[in-house]
Amino acid sequence: MKTVILGSFAASFLIAFIPLYVGIQHNAMGEFCKNDSLDSCSFDYFYAFGIWTSWFVTIFGSLLGVLVVTHLCIFGFKVITKKSSE
């Protein structure tokens, strides 16, 4: 189970950078600027961290949920087949 959690964490950590990168590259309206001017954009790291965190939590929860349910189904199937063969 530790490998499932670590694998989900690592995958989520890396995958969450994709929407953040796309958002930064398409910063047409200055969403990632502290000030409202695109001419002198001071990058807002706190906002970028918030975007990354929201994607990380969503992806981590989804991956972990799917993997845990799959793990429990496989374990449950093994228990059922073991009891039926006795």
PDB file of N, CA and C in Angstrom:
ATOM      1  N   MET A   1       0.823  -1.192   0.000  1.00  0.00           N
ATOM      2  CA  MET A   1       0.000   0.000   0.000  1.00  0.00           C
ATOM      3  C   MET A   1       0.868   1.256   0.000  1.00  0.00           C
ATOM      4  N   LYS A   2       2.048   1.171   0.606  1.00  0.00           N
ATOM      5  CA  LYS A   2       2.948   2.326   0.613  1.00  0.00           C
ATOM      6  C   LYS A   2       3.394   2.678  -0.797  1.00  0.00           C
ATOM      7  N   THR A   3       3.625   1.663  -1.612  1.00  0.00           N
ATOM      8  CA  THR A   3       4.054   1.930  -2.989  1.00  0.00           C
ATOM      9  C   THR A   3       2.928   2.577  -3.791  1.00  0.00           C
ATOM     10  N   VAL A   4       1.686   2.219  -3.498  1.00  0.00           N
ATOM     11  CA  VAL A   4       0.549   2.838  -4.180  1.00  0.00           C
ATOM     12  C   VAL A   4       0.477   4.321  -3.825  1.00  0.00           C
ATOM     13  N   ILE A   5       0.630   4.624  -2.555  1.00  0.00           N
ATOM     14  CA  ILE A   5       0.563   6.017  -2.107  1.00  0.00           C
ATOM     15  C   ILE A   5       1.747   6.811  -2.663  1.00  0.00           C
ATOM     16  N   LEU A   6       2.951   6.254  -2.589  1.00  0.00           N
ATOM     17  CA  LEU A   6       4.120   6.958  -3.123  1.00  0.00           C
ATOM     18  C   LEU A   6       4.036   7.134  -4.638  1.00  0.00           C
ATOM     19  N   GLY A   7       3.568   6.114  -5.333  1.00  0.00           N
ATOM     20  CA  GLY A   7       3.412   6.225  -6.778  1.00  0.00           C
ATOM     21  C   GLY A   7       2.380   7.277  -7.154  1.00  0.00           C
ATOM     22  N   SER A   8       1.269   7.307  -6.438  1.00  0.00           N
ATOM     23  CA  SER A   8       0.240   8.314  -6.694  1.00  0.00           C
ATOM     24  C   SER A   8       0.763   9.708  -6.393  1.00  0.00           C
ATOM     25  N   PHE A   9       1.518   9.834  -5.307  1.00  0.00           N
ATOM     26  CA  PHE A   9       2.089  11.123  -4.938  1.00  0.00           C
ATOM     27  C   PHE A   9       3.055  11.614  -6.014  1.00  0.00           C
ATOM     28  N   ALA A  10       3.953  10.749  -6.456  1.00  0.00           N
ATOM     29  CA  ALA A  10       4.947  11.142  -7.461  1.00  0.00           C
ATOM     30  C   ALA A  10       4.281  11.500  -8.789  1.00  0.00           C
ATOM     31  N   ALA A  11       3.333  10.684  -9.220  1.00  0.00           N
ATOM     32  CA  ALA A  11       2.646  10.966 -10.483  1.00  0.00           C
ATOM     33  C   ALA A  11       1.849  12.268 -10.394  1.00  0.00           C
ATOM     34  N   SER A  12       1.165  12.476  -9.291  1.00  0.00           N
ATOM     35  CA  SER A  12       0.383  13.699  -9.109  1.00  0.00           C
ATOM     36  C   SER A  12       1.280  14.926  -9.037  1.00  0.00           C
ATOM     37  N   PHE A  13       2.409  14.776  -8.369  1.00  0.00           N
ATOM     38  CA  PHE A  13       3.364  15.879  -8.246  1.00  0.00           C
ATOM     39  C   PHE A  13       3.814  16.351  -9.626  1.00  0.00           C
ATOM     40  N   LEU A  14       4.110  15.409 -10.501  1.00  0.00           N
ATOM     41  CA  LEU A  14       4.591  15.762 -11.841  1.00  0.00           C
ATOM     42  C   LEU A  14       3.460  16.188 -12.774  1.00  0.00           C
ATOM     43  N   ILE A  15       2.346  15.494 -12.737  1.00  0.00           N
ATOM     44  CA  ILE A  15       1.238  15.807 -13.641  1.00  0.00           C
ATOM     45  C   ILE A  15       0.648  17.182 -13.338  1.00  0.00           C
ATOM     46  N   ALA A  16       0.664  17.617 -12.084  1.00  0.00           N
ATOM     47  CA  ALA A  16       0.095  18.917 -11.716  1.00  0.00           C
ATOM     48  C   ALA A  16       0.872  20.080 -12.331  1.00  0.00           C
ATOM     49  N   PHE A  17       2.099  19.837 -12.755  1.00  0.00           N
ATOM     50  CA  PHE A  17       2.859  20.904 -13.394  1.00  0.00           C
ATOM     51  C   PHE A  17       2.370  21.182 -14.814  1.00  0.00           C
ATOM     52  N   ILE A  18       1.705  20.227 -15.449  1.00  0.00           N
ATOM     53  CA  ILE A  18       1.259  20.418 -16.836  1.00  0.00           C
ATOM     54  C   ILE A  18       0.225  21.541 -16.942  1.00  0.00           C
ATOM     55  N   PRO A  19      -0.888  21.524 -16.171  1.00  0.00           N
ATOM     56  CA  PRO A  19      -1.829  22.645 -16.296  1.00  0.00           C
ATOM     57  C   PRO A  19      -1.237  23.971 -15.821  1.00  0.00           C
ATOM     58  N   LEU A  20      -0.332  23.910 -14.856  1.00  0.00           N
ATOM     59  CA  LEU A  20       0.322  25.141 -14.415  1.00  0.00           C
ATOM     60  C   LEU A  20       1.180  25.717 -15.536  1.00  0.00           C
ATOM     61  N   TYR A  21       1.946  24.883 -16.208  1.00  0.00           N
ATOM     62  CA  TYR A  21       2.782  25.321 -17.321  1.00  0.00           C
ATOM     63  C   TYR A  21       1.932  25.905 -18.456  1.00  0.00           C
ATOM     64  N   VAL A  22       0.838  25.219 -18.782  1.00  0.00           N
ATOM     65  CA  VAL A  22      -0.052  25.714 -19.832  1.00  0.00           C
ATOM     66  C   VAL A  22      -0.650  27.060 -19.438  1.00  0.00           C
ATOM     67  N   GLY A  23      -1.040  27.181 -18.181  1.00  0.00           N
ATOM     68  CA  GLY A  23      -1.595  28.449 -17.711  1.00  0.00           C
ATOM     69  C   GLY A  23      -0.597  29.589 -17.783  1.00  0.00           C
ATOM     70  N   ILE A  24       0.636  29.311 -17.429  1.00  0.00           N
ATOM     71  CA  ILE A  24       1.666  30.353 -17.478  1.00  0.00           C
ATOM     72  C   ILE A  24       1.969  30.740 -18.923  1.00  0.00           C
ATOM     73  N   GLN A  25       2.025  29.756 -19.815  1.00  0.00           N
ATOM     74  CA  GLN A  25       2.310  30.038 -21.224  1.00  0.00           C
ATOM     75  C   GLN A  25       1.176  30.819 -21.893  1.00  0.00           C
ATOM     76  N   HIS A  26      -0.038  30.646 -21.434  1.00  0.00           N
ATOM     77  CA  HIS A  26      -1.191  31.344 -22.005  1.00  0.00           C
ATOM     78  C   HIS A  26      -1.672  32.433 -21.055  1.00  0.00           C
ATOM     79  N   ASN A  27      -0.758  33.199 -20.538  1.00  0.00           N
ATOM     80  CA  ASN A  27      -1.044  34.245 -19.557  1.00  0.00           C
ATOM     81  C   ASN A  27      -1.484  35.522 -20.270  1.00  0.00           C
ATOM     82  N   ALA A  28      -2.483  35.404 -21.126  1.00  0.00           N
ATOM     83  CA  ALA A  28      -2.884  36.524 -21.978  1.00  0.00           C
ATOM     84  C   ALA A  28      -3.496  37.685 -21.200  1.00  0.00           C
ATOM     85  N   MET A  29      -4.180  37.395 -20.106  1.00  0.00           N
ATOM     86  CA  MET A  29      -4.845  38.459 -19.355  1.00  0.00           C
ATOM     87  C   MET A  29      -4.108  38.814 -18.066  1.00  0.00           C
ATOM     88  N   GLY A  30      -2.941  38.260 -17.876  1.00  0.00           N
ATOM     89  CA  GLY A  30      -2.142  38.611 -16.711  1.00  0.00           C
ATOM     90  C   GLY A  30      -2.587  37.962 -15.421  1.00  0.00           C
ATOM     91  N   GLU A  31      -3.100  36.746 -15.508  1.00  0.00           N
ATOM     92  CA  GLU A  31      -3.571  36.070 -14.298  1.00  0.00           C
ATOM     93  C   GLU A  31      -2.444  35.806 -13.311  1.00  0.00           C
ATOM     94  N   PHE A  32      -1.245  35.595 -13.815  1.00  0.00           N
ATOM     95  CA  PHE A  32      -0.109  35.276 -12.947  1.00  0.00           C
ATOM     96  C   PHE A  32       0.734  36.498 -12.611  1.00  0.00           C
ATOM     97  N   CYS A  33       0.210  37.685 -12.843  1.00  0.00           N
ATOM     98  CA  CYS A  33       0.927  38.928 -12.507  1.00  0.00           C
ATOM     99  C   CYS A  33       0.374  39.494 -11.202  1.00  0.00           C
ATOM    100  N   LYS A  34       1.268  39.959 -10.337  1.00  0.00           N
ATOM    101  CA  LYS A  34       0.821  40.582  -9.083  1.00  0.00           C
ATOM    102  C   LYS A  34       0.119  41.899  -9.369  1.00  0.00           C
ATOM    103  N   ASN A  35       0.680  42.680 -10.262  1.00  0.00           N
ATOM    104  CA  ASN A  35       0.035  43.924 -10.664  1.00  0.00           C
ATOM    105  C   ASN A  35      -0.814  43.650 -11.899  1.00  0.00           C
ATOM    106  N   ASP A  36      -1.681  44.572 -12.243  1.00  0.00           N
ATOM    107  CA  ASP A  36      -2.630  44.335 -13.336  1.00  0.00           C
ATOM    108  C   ASP A  36      -2.075  44.685 -14.710  1.00  0.00           C
ATOM    109  N   SER A  37      -0.807  45.004 -14.786  1.00  0.00           N
ATOM    110  CA  SER A  37      -0.217  45.406 -16.060  1.00  0.00           C
ATOM    111  C   SER A  37       0.637  44.282 -16.634  1.00  0.00           C
ATOM    112  N   LEU A  38       0.424  43.979 -17.900  1.00  0.00           N
ATOM    113  CA  LEU A  38       1.252  42.974 -18.566  1.00  0.00           C
ATOM    114  C   LEU A  38       2.606  43.553 -18.973  1.00  0.00           C
ATOM    115  N   ASP A  39       2.697  44.880 -19.020  1.00  0.00           N
ATOM    116  CA  ASP A  39       3.964  45.503 -19.410  1.00  0.00           C
ATOM    117  C   ASP A  39       5.045  45.270 -18.362  1.00  0.00           C
ATOM    118  N   SER A  40       4.666  45.368 -17.105  1.00  0.00           N
ATOM    119  CA  SER A  40       5.634  45.134 -16.018  1.00  0.00           C
ATOM    120  C   SER A  40       5.083  44.037 -15.107  1.00  0.00           C
ATOM    121  N   CYS A  41       5.082  42.823 -15.623  1.00  0.00           N
ATOM    122  CA  CYS A  41       4.491  41.692 -14.900  1.00  0.00           C
ATOM    123  C   CYS A  41       5.462  41.185 -13.842  1.00  0.00           C
ATOM    124  N   SER A  42       5.026  41.245 -12.597  1.00  0.00           N
ATOM    125  CA  SER A  42       5.769  40.664 -11.482  1.00  0.00           C
ATOM    126  C   SER A  42       5.077  39.337 -11.158  1.00  0.00           C
ATOM    127  N   PHE A  43       5.769  38.233 -11.408  1.00  0.00           N
ATOM    128  CA  PHE A  43       5.149  36.910 -11.302  1.00  0.00           C
ATOM    129  C   PHE A  43       4.647  36.647  -9.889  1.00  0.00           C
ATOM    130  N   ASP A  44       3.417  36.156  -9.799  1.00  0.00           N
ATOM    131  CA  ASP A  44       2.768  35.869  -8.521  1.00  0.00           C
ATOM    132  C   ASP A  44       2.953  34.384  -8.185  1.00  0.00           C
ATOM    133  N   TYR A  45       3.976  34.091  -7.391  1.00  0.00           N
ATOM    134  CA  TYR A  45       4.291  32.702  -7.039  1.00  0.00           C
ATOM    135  C   TYR A  45       3.229  32.091  -6.138  1.00  0.00           C
ATOM    136  N   PHE A  46       2.611  32.891  -5.298  1.00  0.00           N
ATOM    137  CA  PHE A  46       1.571  32.377  -4.400  1.00  0.00           C
ATOM    138  C   PHE A  46       0.361  31.892  -5.203  1.00  0.00           C
ATOM    139  N   TYR A  47      -0.036  32.646  -6.207  1.00  0.00           N
ATOM    140  CA  TYR A  47      -1.154  32.237  -7.067  1.00  0.00           C
ATOM    141  C   TYR A  47      -0.792  30.977  -7.853  1.00  0.00           C
ATOM    142  N   ALA A  48       0.431  30.933  -8.371  1.00  0.00           N
ATOM    143  CA  ALA A  48       0.877  29.752  -9.121  1.00  0.00           C
ATOM    144  C   ALA A  48       0.896  28.523  -8.215  1.00  0.00           C
ATOM    145  N   PHE A  49       1.342  28.685  -6.974  1.00  0.00           N
ATOM    146  CA  PHE A  49       1.343  27.575  -6.026  1.00  0.00           C
ATOM    147  C   PHE A  49      -0.080  27.110  -5.730  1.00  0.00           C
ATOM    148  N   GLY A  50      -1.011  28.047  -5.645  1.00  0.00           N
ATOM    149  CA  GLY A  50      -2.419  27.699  -5.419  1.00  0.00           C
ATOM    150  C   GLY A  50      -2.999  26.910  -6.577  1.00  0.00           C
ATOM    151  N   ILE A  51      -2.663  27.300  -7.800  1.00  0.00           N
ATOM    152  CA  ILE A  51      -3.133  26.565  -8.982  1.00  0.00           C
ATOM    153  C   ILE A  51      -2.536  25.157  -8.977  1.00  0.00           C
ATOM    154  N   TRP A  52      -1.224  25.061  -8.731  1.00  0.00           N
ATOM    155  CA  TRP A  52      -0.568  23.751  -8.712  1.00  0.00           C
ATOM    156  C   TRP A  52      -1.164  22.862  -7.622  1.00  0.00           C
ATOM    157  N   THR A  53      -1.386  23.424  -6.439  1.00  0.00           N
ATOM    158  CA  THR A  53      -1.923  22.653  -5.317  1.00  0.00           C
ATOM    159  C   THR A  53      -3.324  22.138  -5.614  1.00  0.00           C
ATOM    160  N   SER A  54      -4.145  22.969  -6.230  1.00  0.00           N
ATOM    161  CA  SER A  54      -5.508  22.515  -6.541  1.00  0.00           C
ATOM    162  C   SER A  54      -5.488  21.348  -7.525  1.00  0.00           C
ATOM    163  N   TRP A  55      -4.605  21.403  -8.518  1.00  0.00           N
ATOM    164  CA  TRP A  55      -4.490  20.279  -9.455  1.00  0.00           C
ATOM    165  C   TRP A  55      -3.877  19.060  -8.782  1.00  0.00           C
ATOM    166  N   PHE A  56      -2.890  19.277  -7.913  1.00  0.00           N
ATOM    167  CA  PHE A  56      -2.251  18.156  -7.220  1.00  0.00           C
ATOM    168  C   PHE A  56      -3.260  17.402  -6.361  1.00  0.00           C
ATOM    169  N   VAL A  57      -4.045  18.120  -5.592  1.00  0.00           N
ATOM    170  CA  VAL A  57      -5.026  17.488  -4.704  1.00  0.00           C
ATOM    171  C   VAL A  57      -6.063  16.717  -5.519  1.00  0.00           C
ATOM    172  N   THR A  58      -6.515  17.316  -6.613  1.00  0.00           N
ATOM    173  CA  THR A  58      -7.507  16.653  -7.461  1.00  0.00           C
ATOM    174  C   THR A  58      -6.952  15.372  -8.074  1.00  0.00           C
ATOM    175  N   ILE A  59      -5.763  15.450  -8.641  1.00  0.00           N
ATOM    176  CA  ILE A  59      -5.158  14.289  -9.299  1.00  0.00           C
ATOM    177  C   ILE A  59      -4.791  13.220  -8.274  1.00  0.00           C
ATOM    178  N   PHE A  60      -4.202  13.644  -7.154  1.00  0.00           N
ATOM    179  CA  PHE A  60      -3.802  12.687  -6.114  1.00  0.00           C
ATOM    180  C   PHE A  60      -5.012  11.950  -5.561  1.00  0.00           C
ATOM    181  N   GLY A  61      -6.074  12.678  -5.278  1.00  0.00           N
ATOM    182  CA  GLY A  61      -7.285  12.042  -4.760  1.00  0.00           C
ATOM    183  C   GLY A  61      -7.892  11.070  -5.745  1.00  0.00           C
ATOM    184  N   SER A  62      -7.914  11.463  -7.011  1.00  0.00           N
ATOM    185  CA  SER A  62      -8.485  10.587  -8.037  1.00  0.00           C
ATOM    186  C   SER A  62      -7.646   9.328  -8.226  1.00  0.00           C
ATOM    187  N   LEU A  63      -6.343   9.519  -8.380  1.00  0.00           N
ATOM    188  CA  LEU A  63      -5.464   8.359  -8.572  1.00  0.00           C
ATOM    189  C   LEU A  63      -5.491   7.430  -7.370  1.00  0.00           C
ATOM    190  N   LEU A  64      -5.379   8.009  -6.198  1.00  0.00           N
ATOM    191  CA  LEU A  64      -5.358   7.188  -4.993  1.00  0.00           C
ATOM    192  C   LEU A  64      -6.683   6.457  -4.814  1.00  0.00           C
ATOM    193  N   GLY A  65      -7.782   7.143  -5.087  1.00  0.00           N
ATOM    194  CA  GLY A  65      -9.086   6.502  -4.964  1.00  0.00           C
ATOM    195  C   GLY A  65      -9.234   5.321  -5.909  1.00  0.00           C
ATOM    196  N   VAL A  66      -8.858   5.517  -7.154  1.00  0.00           N
ATOM    197  CA  VAL A  66      -8.965   4.438  -8.142  1.00  0.00           C
ATOM    198  C   VAL A  66      -8.053   3.272  -7.771  1.00  0.00           C
ATOM    199  N   LEU A  67      -6.827   3.588  -7.381  1.00  0.00           N
ATOM    200  CA  LEU A  67      -5.882   2.521  -7.057  1.00  0.00           C
ATOM    201  C   LEU A  67      -6.270   1.766  -5.791  1.00  0.00           C
ATOM    202  N   VAL A  68      -6.774   2.468  -4.800  1.00  0.00           N
ATOM    203  CA  VAL A  68      -7.191   1.791  -3.558  1.00  0.00           C
ATOM    204  C   VAL A  68      -8.414   0.914  -3.820  1.00  0.00           C
ATOM    205  N   VAL A  69      -9.373   1.414  -4.571  1.00  0.00           N
ATOM    206  CA  VAL A  69     -10.553   0.601  -4.886  1.00  0.00           C
ATOM    207  C   VAL A  69     -10.144  -0.624  -5.694  1.00  0.00           C
ATOM    208  N   THR A  70      -9.251  -0.447  -6.657  1.00  0.00           N
ATOM    209  CA  THR A  70      -8.764  -1.579  -7.446  1.00  0.00           C
ATOM    210  C   THR A  70      -8.052  -2.589  -6.555  1.00  0.00           C
ATOM    211  N   HIS A  71      -7.215  -2.089  -5.653  1.00  0.00           N
ATOM    212  CA  HIS A  71      -6.486  -2.963  -4.735  1.00  0.00           C
ATOM    213  C   HIS A  71      -7.459  -3.742  -3.845  1.00  0.00           C
ATOM    214  N   LEU A  72      -8.469  -3.068  -3.328  1.00  0.00           N
ATOM    215  CA  LEU A  72      -9.441  -3.738  -2.464  1.00  0.00           C
ATOM    216  C   LEU A  72     -10.278  -4.758  -3.234  1.00  0.00           C
ATOM    217  N   CYS A  73     -10.612  -4.439  -4.479  1.00  0.00           N
ATOM    218  CA  CYS A  73     -11.374  -5.402  -5.294  1.00  0.00           C
ATOM    219  C   CYS A  73     -10.549  -6.647  -5.573  1.00  0.00           C
ATOM    220  N   ILE A  74      -9.286  -6.468  -5.893  1.00  0.00           N
ATOM    221  CA  ILE A  74      -8.419  -7.620  -6.160  1.00  0.00           C
ATOM    222  C   ILE A  74      -8.250  -8.457  -4.898  1.00  0.00           C
ATOM    223  N   PHE A  75      -8.023  -7.781  -3.759  1.00  0.00           N
ATOM    224  CA  PHE A  75      -7.878  -8.490  -2.498  1.00  0.00           C
ATOM    225  C   PHE A  75      -9.167  -9.225  -2.139  1.00  0.00           C
ATOM    226  N   GLY A  76     -10.303  -8.550  -2.334  1.00  0.00           N
ATOM    227  CA  GLY A  76     -11.590  -9.176  -2.046  1.00  0.00           C
ATOM    228  C   GLY A  76     -11.856 -10.358  -2.952  1.00  0.00           C
ATOM    229  N   PHE A  77     -11.484 -10.252  -4.206  1.00  0.00           N
ATOM    230  CA  PHE A  77     -11.659 -11.352  -5.145  1.00  0.00           C
ATOM    231  C   PHE A  77     -10.804 -12.547  -4.743  1.00  0.00           C
ATOM    232  N   LYS A  78      -9.579 -12.284  -4.277  1.00  0.00           N
ATOM    233  CA  LYS A  78      -8.710 -13.376  -3.827  1.00  0.00           C
ATOM    234  C   LYS A  78      -9.311 -14.070  -2.615  1.00  0.00           C
ATOM    235  N   VAL A  79      -9.876 -13.309  -1.688  1.00  0.00           N
ATOM    236  CA  VAL A  79     -10.486 -13.880  -0.484  1.00  0.00           C
ATOM    237  C   VAL A  79     -11.704 -14.720  -0.856  1.00  0.00           C
ATOM    238  N   ILE A  80     -12.525 -14.224  -1.769  1.00  0.00           N
ATOM    239  CA  ILE A  80     -13.731 -14.959  -2.170  1.00  0.00           C
ATOM    240  C   ILE A  80     -13.367 -16.255  -2.875  1.00  0.00           C
ATOM    241  N   THR A  81     -12.404 -16.181  -3.791  1.00  0.00           N
ATOM    242  CA  THR A  81     -12.018 -17.392  -4.522  1.00  0.00           C
ATOM    243  C   THR A  81     -11.330 -18.399  -3.603  1.00  0.00           C
ATOM    244  N   LYS A  82     -10.623 -17.899  -2.594  1.00  0.00           N
ATOM    245  CA  LYS A  82      -9.965 -18.795  -1.653  1.00  0.00           C
ATOM    246  C   LYS A  82     -11.008 -19.516  -0.794  1.00  0.00           C
ATOM    247  N   LYS A  83     -12.045 -18.814  -0.360  1.00  0.00           N
ATOM    248  CA  LYS A  83     -13.087 -19.433   0.453  1.00  0.00           C
ATOM    249  C   LYS A  83     -13.921 -20.419  -0.359  1.00  0.00           C
ATOM    250  N   SER A  84     -14.141 -20.109  -1.632  1.00  0.00           N
ATOM    251  CA  SER A  84     -14.967 -21.008  -2.448  1.00  0.00           C
ATOM    252  C   SER A  84     -14.221 -22.288  -2.824  1.00  0.00           C
ATOM    253  N   SER A  85     -12.876 -22.228  -2.820  1.00  0.00           N
ATOM    254  CA  SER A  85     -12.110 -23.420  -3.179  1.00  0.00           C
ATOM    255  C   SER A  85     -11.915 -24.346  -1.984  1.00  0.00           C
ATOM    256  N   GLU A  86     -12.207 -23.885  -0.792  1.00  0.00           N
ATOM    257  CA  GLU A  86     -12.036 -24.733   0.410  1.00  0.00           C
ATOM    258  C   GLU A  86     -13.155 -25.703   0.590  1.00  0.00           C
TER     259      GLU A  86
END
